[in-house]
Amino acid sequence: RHFAHLGIEPLSDEMSGGFLRNLAKSRR
């Protein structure tokens, strides 16, 4: 339960502007 909900590691290769932008869709 301490780890299951955690998001992306910011230093990972998957971290990008496009990744953040997709997650921000429909948010305000």
PDB file of all heavy atoms in Angstrom:
ATOM      1  N   ARG A   1       0.809  -1.228   0.000  1.00  0.00           N
ATOM      2  CA  ARG A   1       0.000   0.000   0.000  1.00  0.00           C
ATOM      3  C   ARG A   1       0.837   1.272   0.000  1.00  0.00           C
ATOM      4  O   ARG A   1       0.357   2.332  -0.416  1.00  0.00           O
ATOM      5  CB  ARG A   1      -0.937   0.008   1.211  1.00  0.00           C
ATOM      6  CG  ARG A   1      -0.225   0.025   2.563  1.00  0.00           C
ATOM      7  CD  ARG A   1      -1.214  -0.076   3.713  1.00  0.00           C
ATOM      8  NE  ARG A   1      -0.573  -0.124   5.018  1.00  0.00           N
ATOM      9  CZ  ARG A   1      -0.190   0.942   5.694  1.00  0.00           C
ATOM     10  NH1 ARG A   1      -0.416   2.159   5.201  1.00  0.00           N
ATOM     11  NH2 ARG A   1       0.386   0.819   6.873  1.00  0.00           N
ATOM     12  N   HIS A   2       2.084   1.208   0.440  1.00  0.00           N
ATOM     13  CA  HIS A   2       2.941   2.391   0.436  1.00  0.00           C
ATOM     14  C   HIS A   2       3.436   2.734  -0.974  1.00  0.00           C
ATOM     15  O   HIS A   2       3.850   3.867  -1.221  1.00  0.00           O
ATOM     16  CB  HIS A   2       4.148   2.184   1.344  1.00  0.00           C
ATOM     17  CG  HIS A   2       3.805   1.992   2.788  1.00  0.00           C
ATOM     18  ND1 HIS A   2       3.574   0.741   3.333  1.00  0.00           N
ATOM     19  CD2 HIS A   2       3.644   2.888   3.793  1.00  0.00           C
ATOM     20  CE1 HIS A   2       3.293   0.875   4.619  1.00  0.00           C
ATOM     21  NE2 HIS A   2       3.317   2.154   4.926  1.00  0.00           N
ATOM     22  N   PHE A   3       3.410   1.743  -1.889  1.00  0.00           N
ATOM     23  CA  PHE A   3       4.014   1.922  -3.205  1.00  0.00           C
ATOM     24  C   PHE A   3       3.040   1.779  -4.374  1.00  0.00           C
ATOM     25  O   PHE A   3       3.298   2.311  -5.452  1.00  0.00           O
ATOM     26  CB  PHE A   3       5.151   0.904  -3.390  1.00  0.00           C
ATOM     27  CG  PHE A   3       6.209   0.972  -2.337  1.00  0.00           C
ATOM     28  CD1 PHE A   3       6.179   0.098  -1.255  1.00  0.00           C
ATOM     29  CD2 PHE A   3       7.217   1.907  -2.409  1.00  0.00           C
ATOM     30  CE1 PHE A   3       7.163   0.161  -0.274  1.00  0.00           C
ATOM     31  CE2 PHE A   3       8.196   1.976  -1.434  1.00  0.00           C
ATOM     32  CZ  PHE A   3       8.176   1.110  -0.362  1.00  0.00           C
ATOM     33  N   ALA A   4       1.938   1.073  -4.172  1.00  0.00           N
ATOM     34  CA  ALA A   4       1.067   0.715  -5.292  1.00  0.00           C
ATOM     35  C   ALA A   4       0.494   1.932  -6.017  1.00  0.00           C
ATOM     36  O   ALA A   4       0.224   1.866  -7.220  1.00  0.00           O
ATOM     37  CB  ALA A   4      -0.062  -0.184  -4.795  1.00  0.00           C
ATOM     38  N   HIS A   5       0.304   3.043  -5.307  1.00  0.00           N
ATOM     39  CA  HIS A   5      -0.344   4.211  -5.899  1.00  0.00           C
ATOM     40  C   HIS A   5       0.638   5.200  -6.517  1.00  0.00           C
ATOM     41  O   HIS A   5       0.218   6.213  -7.094  1.00  0.00           O
ATOM     42  CB  HIS A   5      -1.135   4.946  -4.816  1.00  0.00           C
ATOM     43  CG  HIS A   5      -0.251   5.581  -3.778  1.00  0.00           C
ATOM     44  ND1 HIS A   5       0.389   4.837  -2.807  1.00  0.00           N
ATOM     45  CD2 HIS A   5       0.125   6.876  -3.583  1.00  0.00           C
ATOM     46  CE1 HIS A   5       1.116   5.648  -2.055  1.00  0.00           C
ATOM     47  NE2 HIS A   5       0.967   6.882  -2.500  1.00  0.00           N
ATOM     48  N   LEU A   6       1.932   4.935  -6.410  1.00  0.00           N
ATOM     49  CA  LEU A   6       2.919   5.939  -6.792  1.00  0.00           C
ATOM     50  C   LEU A   6       3.024   6.128  -8.304  1.00  0.00           C
ATOM     51  O   LEU A   6       2.884   5.182  -9.080  1.00  0.00           O
ATOM     52  CB  LEU A   6       4.297   5.551  -6.237  1.00  0.00           C
ATOM     53  CG  LEU A   6       4.420   5.560  -4.713  1.00  0.00           C
ATOM     54  CD1 LEU A   6       5.804   5.086  -4.287  1.00  0.00           C
ATOM     55  CD2 LEU A   6       4.133   6.954  -4.144  1.00  0.00           C
ATOM     56  N   GLY A   7       3.299   7.366  -8.695  1.00  0.00           N
ATOM     57  CA  GLY A   7       3.403   7.718 -10.098  1.00  0.00           C
ATOM     58  C   GLY A   7       4.783   7.497 -10.670  1.00  0.00           C
ATOM     59  O   GLY A   7       5.599   6.736 -10.139  1.00  0.00           O
ATOM     60  N   ILE A   8       5.085   8.219 -11.752  1.00  0.00           N
ATOM     61  CA  ILE A   8       6.316   8.027 -12.497  1.00  0.00           C
ATOM     62  C   ILE A   8       7.508   8.618 -11.747  1.00  0.00           C
ATOM     63  O   ILE A   8       7.388   9.612 -11.033  1.00  0.00           O
ATOM     64  CB  ILE A   8       6.189   8.671 -13.902  1.00  0.00           C
ATOM     65  CG1 ILE A   8       7.338   8.240 -14.804  1.00  0.00           C
ATOM     66  CG2 ILE A   8       6.114  10.202 -13.795  1.00  0.00           C
ATOM     67  CD1 ILE A   8       7.165   8.678 -16.250  1.00  0.00           C
ATOM     68  N   GLU A   9       8.669   7.994 -11.931  1.00  0.00           N
ATOM     69  CA  GLU A   9       9.915   8.546 -11.412  1.00  0.00           C
ATOM     70  C   GLU A   9      10.359   9.681 -12.339  1.00  0.00           C
ATOM     71  O   GLU A   9      10.499   9.480 -13.552  1.00  0.00           O
ATOM     72  CB  GLU A   9      11.003   7.461 -11.360  1.00  0.00           C
ATOM     73  CG  GLU A   9      10.808   6.434 -10.266  1.00  0.00           C
ATOM     74  CD  GLU A   9      11.193   6.971  -8.898  1.00  0.00           C
ATOM     75  OE1 GLU A   9      11.931   7.974  -8.833  1.00  0.00           O
ATOM     76  OE2 GLU A   9      10.754   6.390  -7.891  1.00  0.00           O
ATOM     77  N   PRO A  10      10.613  10.878 -11.800  1.00  0.00           N
ATOM     78  CA  PRO A  10      10.931  12.019 -12.662  1.00  0.00           C
ATOM     79  C   PRO A  10      12.272  11.902 -13.387  1.00  0.00           C
ATOM     80  O   PRO A  10      12.498  12.605 -14.377  1.00  0.00           O
ATOM     81  CB  PRO A  10      10.933  13.202 -11.688  1.00  0.00           C
ATOM     82  CG  PRO A  10      11.162  12.595 -10.353  1.00  0.00           C
ATOM     83  CD  PRO A  10      10.513  11.250 -10.384  1.00  0.00           C
ATOM     84  N   LEU A  11      13.161  11.033 -12.934  1.00  0.00           N
ATOM     85  CA  LEU A  11      14.449  10.859 -13.595  1.00  0.00           C
ATOM     86  C   LEU A  11      14.449   9.681 -14.564  1.00  0.00           C
ATOM     87  O   LEU A  11      15.489   9.347 -15.134  1.00  0.00           O
ATOM     88  CB  LEU A  11      15.553  10.668 -12.553  1.00  0.00           C
ATOM     89  CG  LEU A  11      15.769  11.850 -11.603  1.00  0.00           C
ATOM     90  CD1 LEU A  11      16.885  11.546 -10.607  1.00  0.00           C
ATOM     91  CD2 LEU A  11      16.093  13.126 -12.371  1.00  0.00           C
ATOM     92  N   SER A  12      13.299   9.067 -14.775  1.00  0.00           N
ATOM     93  CA  SER A  12      13.204   7.919 -15.675  1.00  0.00           C
ATOM     94  C   SER A  12      13.158   8.374 -17.130  1.00  0.00           C
ATOM     95  O   SER A  12      12.859   9.534 -17.445  1.00  0.00           O
ATOM     96  CB  SER A  12      11.963   7.096 -15.354  1.00  0.00           C
ATOM     97  OG  SER A  12      10.790   7.849 -15.644  1.00  0.00           O
ATOM     98  N   ASP A  13      13.432   7.443 -18.035  1.00  0.00           N
ATOM     99  CA  ASP A  13      13.380   7.751 -19.466  1.00  0.00           C
ATOM    100  C   ASP A  13      11.962   8.064 -19.922  1.00  0.00           C
ATOM    101  O   ASP A  13      11.764   8.790 -20.907  1.00  0.00           O
ATOM    102  CB  ASP A  13      13.923   6.565 -20.272  1.00  0.00           C
ATOM    103  CG  ASP A  13      15.418   6.347 -20.067  1.00  0.00           C
ATOM    104  OD1 ASP A  13      16.096   7.313 -19.662  1.00  0.00           O
ATOM    105  OD2 ASP A  13      15.891   5.219 -20.305  1.00  0.00           O
ATOM    106  N   GLU A  14      10.973   7.523 -19.219  1.00  0.00           N
ATOM    107  CA  GLU A  14       9.577   7.730 -19.613  1.00  0.00           C
ATOM    108  C   GLU A  14       9.084   9.139 -19.316  1.00  0.00           C
ATOM    109  O   GLU A  14       8.093   9.594 -19.888  1.00  0.00           O
ATOM    110  CB  GLU A  14       8.670   6.721 -18.900  1.00  0.00           C
ATOM    111  CG  GLU A  14       8.871   5.277 -19.323  1.00  0.00           C
ATOM    112  CD  GLU A  14      10.124   4.646 -18.725  1.00  0.00           C
ATOM    113  OE1 GLU A  14      10.634   5.192 -17.730  1.00  0.00           O
ATOM    114  OE2 GLU A  14      10.582   3.633 -19.267  1.00  0.00           O
ATOM    115  N   MET A  15       9.782   9.826 -18.429  1.00  0.00           N
ATOM    116  CA  MET A  15       9.367  11.180 -18.041  1.00  0.00           C
ATOM    117  C   MET A  15       9.637  12.158 -19.191  1.00  0.00           C
ATOM    118  O   MET A  15      10.758  12.276 -19.678  1.00  0.00           O
ATOM    119  CB  MET A  15      10.161  11.599 -16.796  1.00  0.00           C
ATOM    120  CG  MET A  15       9.961  13.039 -16.394  1.00  0.00           C
ATOM    121  SD  MET A  15       8.301  13.322 -15.764  1.00  0.00           S
ATOM    122  CE  MET A  15       8.539  14.948 -15.059  1.00  0.00           C
ATOM    123  N   SER A  16       8.596  12.836 -19.631  1.00  0.00           N
ATOM    124  CA  SER A  16       8.729  13.783 -20.743  1.00  0.00           C
ATOM    125  C   SER A  16       7.611  14.805 -20.673  1.00  0.00           C
ATOM    126  O   SER A  16       6.637  14.640 -19.924  1.00  0.00           O
ATOM    127  CB  SER A  16       8.656  13.044 -22.091  1.00  0.00           C
ATOM    128  OG  SER A  16       7.360  12.495 -22.273  1.00  0.00           O
ATOM    129  N   GLY A  17       7.740  15.839 -21.493  1.00  0.00           N
ATOM    130  CA  GLY A  17       6.682  16.825 -21.571  1.00  0.00           C
ATOM    131  C   GLY A  17       5.382  16.220 -22.057  1.00  0.00           C
ATOM    132  O   GLY A  17       4.297  16.549 -21.559  1.00  0.00           O
ATOM    133  N   GLY A  18       5.482  15.325 -23.034  1.00  0.00           N
ATOM    134  CA  GLY A  18       4.281  14.678 -23.553  1.00  0.00           C
ATOM    135  C   GLY A  18       3.593  13.816 -22.504  1.00  0.00           C
ATOM    136  O   GLY A  18       2.356  13.780 -22.434  1.00  0.00           O
ATOM    137  N   PHE A  19       4.377  13.155 -21.673  1.00  0.00           N
ATOM    138  CA  PHE A  19       3.811  12.329 -20.615  1.00  0.00           C
ATOM    139  C   PHE A  19       3.033  13.199 -19.631  1.00  0.00           C
ATOM    140  O   PHE A  19       1.901  12.883 -19.266  1.00  0.00           O
ATOM    141  CB  PHE A  19       4.933  11.584 -19.893  1.00  0.00           C
ATOM    142  CG  PHE A  19       4.466  10.675 -18.804  1.00  0.00           C
ATOM    143  CD1 PHE A  19       4.136   9.359 -19.079  1.00  0.00           C
ATOM    144  CD2 PHE A  19       4.350  11.124 -17.497  1.00  0.00           C
ATOM    145  CE1 PHE A  19       3.691   8.509 -18.072  1.00  0.00           C
ATOM    146  CE2 PHE A  19       3.911  10.289 -16.486  1.00  0.00           C
ATOM    147  CZ  PHE A  19       3.580   8.977 -16.775  1.00  0.00           C
ATOM    148  N   LEU A  20       3.625  14.320 -19.214  1.00  0.00           N
ATOM    149  CA  LEU A  20       2.946  15.223 -18.281  1.00  0.00           C
ATOM    150  C   LEU A  20       1.693  15.812 -18.916  1.00  0.00           C
ATOM    151  O   LEU A  20       0.648  15.926 -18.274  1.00  0.00           O
ATOM    152  CB  LEU A  20       3.897  16.330 -17.844  1.00  0.00           C
ATOM    153  CG  LEU A  20       5.093  15.925 -16.979  1.00  0.00           C
ATOM    154  CD1 LEU A  20       5.971  17.144 -16.691  1.00  0.00           C
ATOM    155  CD2 LEU A  20       4.632  15.287 -15.673  1.00  0.00           C
ATOM    156  N   ARG A  21       1.819  16.202 -20.163  1.00  0.00           N
ATOM    157  CA  ARG A  21       0.683  16.816 -20.860  1.00  0.00           C
ATOM    158  C   ARG A  21      -0.494  15.854 -20.948  1.00  0.00           C
ATOM    159  O   ARG A  21      -1.653  16.240 -20.733  1.00  0.00           O
ATOM    160  CB  ARG A  21       1.118  17.241 -22.253  1.00  0.00           C
ATOM    161  CG  ARG A  21       0.074  17.979 -23.080  1.00  0.00           C
ATOM    162  CD  ARG A  21       0.712  18.590 -24.314  1.00  0.00           C
ATOM    163  NE  ARG A  21      -0.280  19.240 -25.156  1.00  0.00           N
ATOM    164  CZ  ARG A  21      -0.884  18.661 -26.194  1.00  0.00           C
ATOM    165  NH1 ARG A  21      -0.584  17.406 -26.514  1.00  0.00           N
ATOM    166  NH2 ARG A  21      -1.766  19.318 -26.913  1.00  0.00           N
ATOM    167  N   ASN A  22      -0.220  14.584 -21.227  1.00  0.00           N
ATOM    168  CA  ASN A  22      -1.293  13.593 -21.312  1.00  0.00           C
ATOM    169  C   ASN A  22      -1.979  13.401 -19.958  1.00  0.00           C
ATOM    170  O   ASN A  22      -3.201  13.273 -19.881  1.00  0.00           O
ATOM    171  CB  ASN A  22      -0.737  12.264 -21.814  1.00  0.00           C
ATOM    172  CG  ASN A  22      -0.437  12.286 -23.301  1.00  0.00           C
ATOM    173  OD1 ASN A  22      -1.016  13.077 -24.055  1.00  0.00           O
ATOM    174  ND2 ASN A  22       0.468  11.428 -23.743  1.00  0.00           N
ATOM    175  N   LEU A  23      -1.193  13.378 -18.886  1.00  0.00           N
ATOM    176  CA  LEU A  23      -1.772  13.206 -17.556  1.00  0.00           C
ATOM    177  C   LEU A  23      -2.584  14.429 -17.126  1.00  0.00           C
ATOM    178  O   LEU A  23      -3.469  14.323 -16.286  1.00  0.00           O
ATOM    179  CB  LEU A  23      -0.668  12.939 -16.528  1.00  0.00           C
ATOM    180  CG  LEU A  23      -0.037  11.552 -16.557  1.00  0.00           C
ATOM    181  CD1 LEU A  23       1.026  11.434 -15.480  1.00  0.00           C
ATOM    182  CD2 LEU A  23      -1.090  10.468 -16.359  1.00  0.00           C
ATOM    183  N   ALA A  24      -2.243  15.590 -17.692  1.00  0.00           N
ATOM    184  CA  ALA A  24      -2.929  16.821 -17.304  1.00  0.00           C
ATOM    185  C   ALA A  24      -4.246  17.028 -18.040  1.00  0.00           C
ATOM    186  O   ALA A  24      -5.013  17.932 -17.690  1.00  0.00           O
ATOM    187  CB  ALA A  24      -2.011  18.015 -17.560  1.00  0.00           C
ATOM    188  N   LYS A  25      -4.524  16.215 -19.036  1.00  0.00           N
ATOM    189  CA  LYS A  25      -5.770  16.367 -19.794  1.00  0.00           C
ATOM    190  C   LYS A  25      -6.967  16.236 -18.868  1.00  0.00           C
ATOM    191  O   LYS A  25      -7.011  15.370 -18.011  1.00  0.00           O
ATOM    192  CB  LYS A  25      -5.839  15.316 -20.897  1.00  0.00           C
ATOM    193  CG  LYS A  25      -4.883  15.575 -22.053  1.00  0.00           C
ATOM    194  CD  LYS A  25      -5.001  14.489 -23.111  1.00  0.00           C
ATOM    195  CE  LYS A  25      -4.067  14.760 -24.282  1.00  0.00           C
ATOM    196  NZ  LYS A  25      -4.130  13.671 -25.303  1.00  0.00           N
ATOM    197  N   SER A  26      -7.913  17.106 -19.053  1.00  0.00           N
ATOM    198  CA  SER A  26      -9.167  17.166 -18.287  1.00  0.00           C
ATOM    199  C   SER A  26      -8.964  17.652 -16.856  1.00  0.00           C
ATOM    200  O   SER A  26      -9.882  17.628 -16.043  1.00  0.00           O
ATOM    201  CB  SER A  26      -9.880  15.808 -18.271  1.00  0.00           C
ATOM    202  OG  SER A  26      -9.251  14.898 -17.380  1.00  0.00           O
ATOM    203  N   ARG A  27      -7.753  18.105 -16.499  1.00  0.00           N
ATOM    204  CA  ARG A  27      -7.515  18.671 -15.172  1.00  0.00           C
ATOM    205  C   ARG A  27      -7.536  20.191 -15.255  1.00  0.00           C
ATOM    206  O   ARG A  27      -7.313  20.778 -16.305  1.00  0.00           O
ATOM    207  CB  ARG A  27      -6.179  18.191 -14.604  1.00  0.00           C
ATOM    208  CG  ARG A  27      -6.128  16.684 -14.334  1.00  0.00           C
ATOM    209  CD  ARG A  27      -4.750  16.261 -13.862  1.00  0.00           C
ATOM    210  NE  ARG A  27      -4.656  14.828 -13.628  1.00  0.00           N
ATOM    211  CZ  ARG A  27      -4.752  14.241 -12.444  1.00  0.00           C
ATOM    212  NH1 ARG A  27      -4.921  15.002 -11.365  1.00  0.00           N
ATOM    213  NH2 ARG A  27      -4.666  12.932 -12.318  1.00  0.00           N
ATOM    214  N   ARG A  28      -7.735  20.832 -14.086  1.00  0.00           N
ATOM    215  CA  ARG A  28      -7.811  22.291 -14.060  1.00  0.00           C
ATOM    216  C   ARG A  28      -7.015  22.915 -12.914  1.00  0.00           C
ATOM    217  O   ARG A  28      -7.019  24.112 -12.756  1.00  0.00           O
ATOM    218  CB  ARG A  28      -9.287  22.735 -13.929  1.00  0.00           C
ATOM    219  CG  ARG A  28     -10.155  22.397 -15.135  1.00  0.00           C
ATOM    220  CD  ARG A  28      -9.777  23.240 -16.328  1.00  0.00           C
ATOM    221  NE  ARG A  28     -10.649  22.990 -17.469  1.00  0.00           N
ATOM    222  CZ  ARG A  28     -10.449  22.041 -18.369  1.00  0.00           C
ATOM    223  NH1 ARG A  28      -9.408  21.224 -18.253  1.00  0.00           N
ATOM    224  NH2 ARG A  28     -11.272  21.875 -19.385  1.00  0.00           N
TER     225      ARG A  28
END
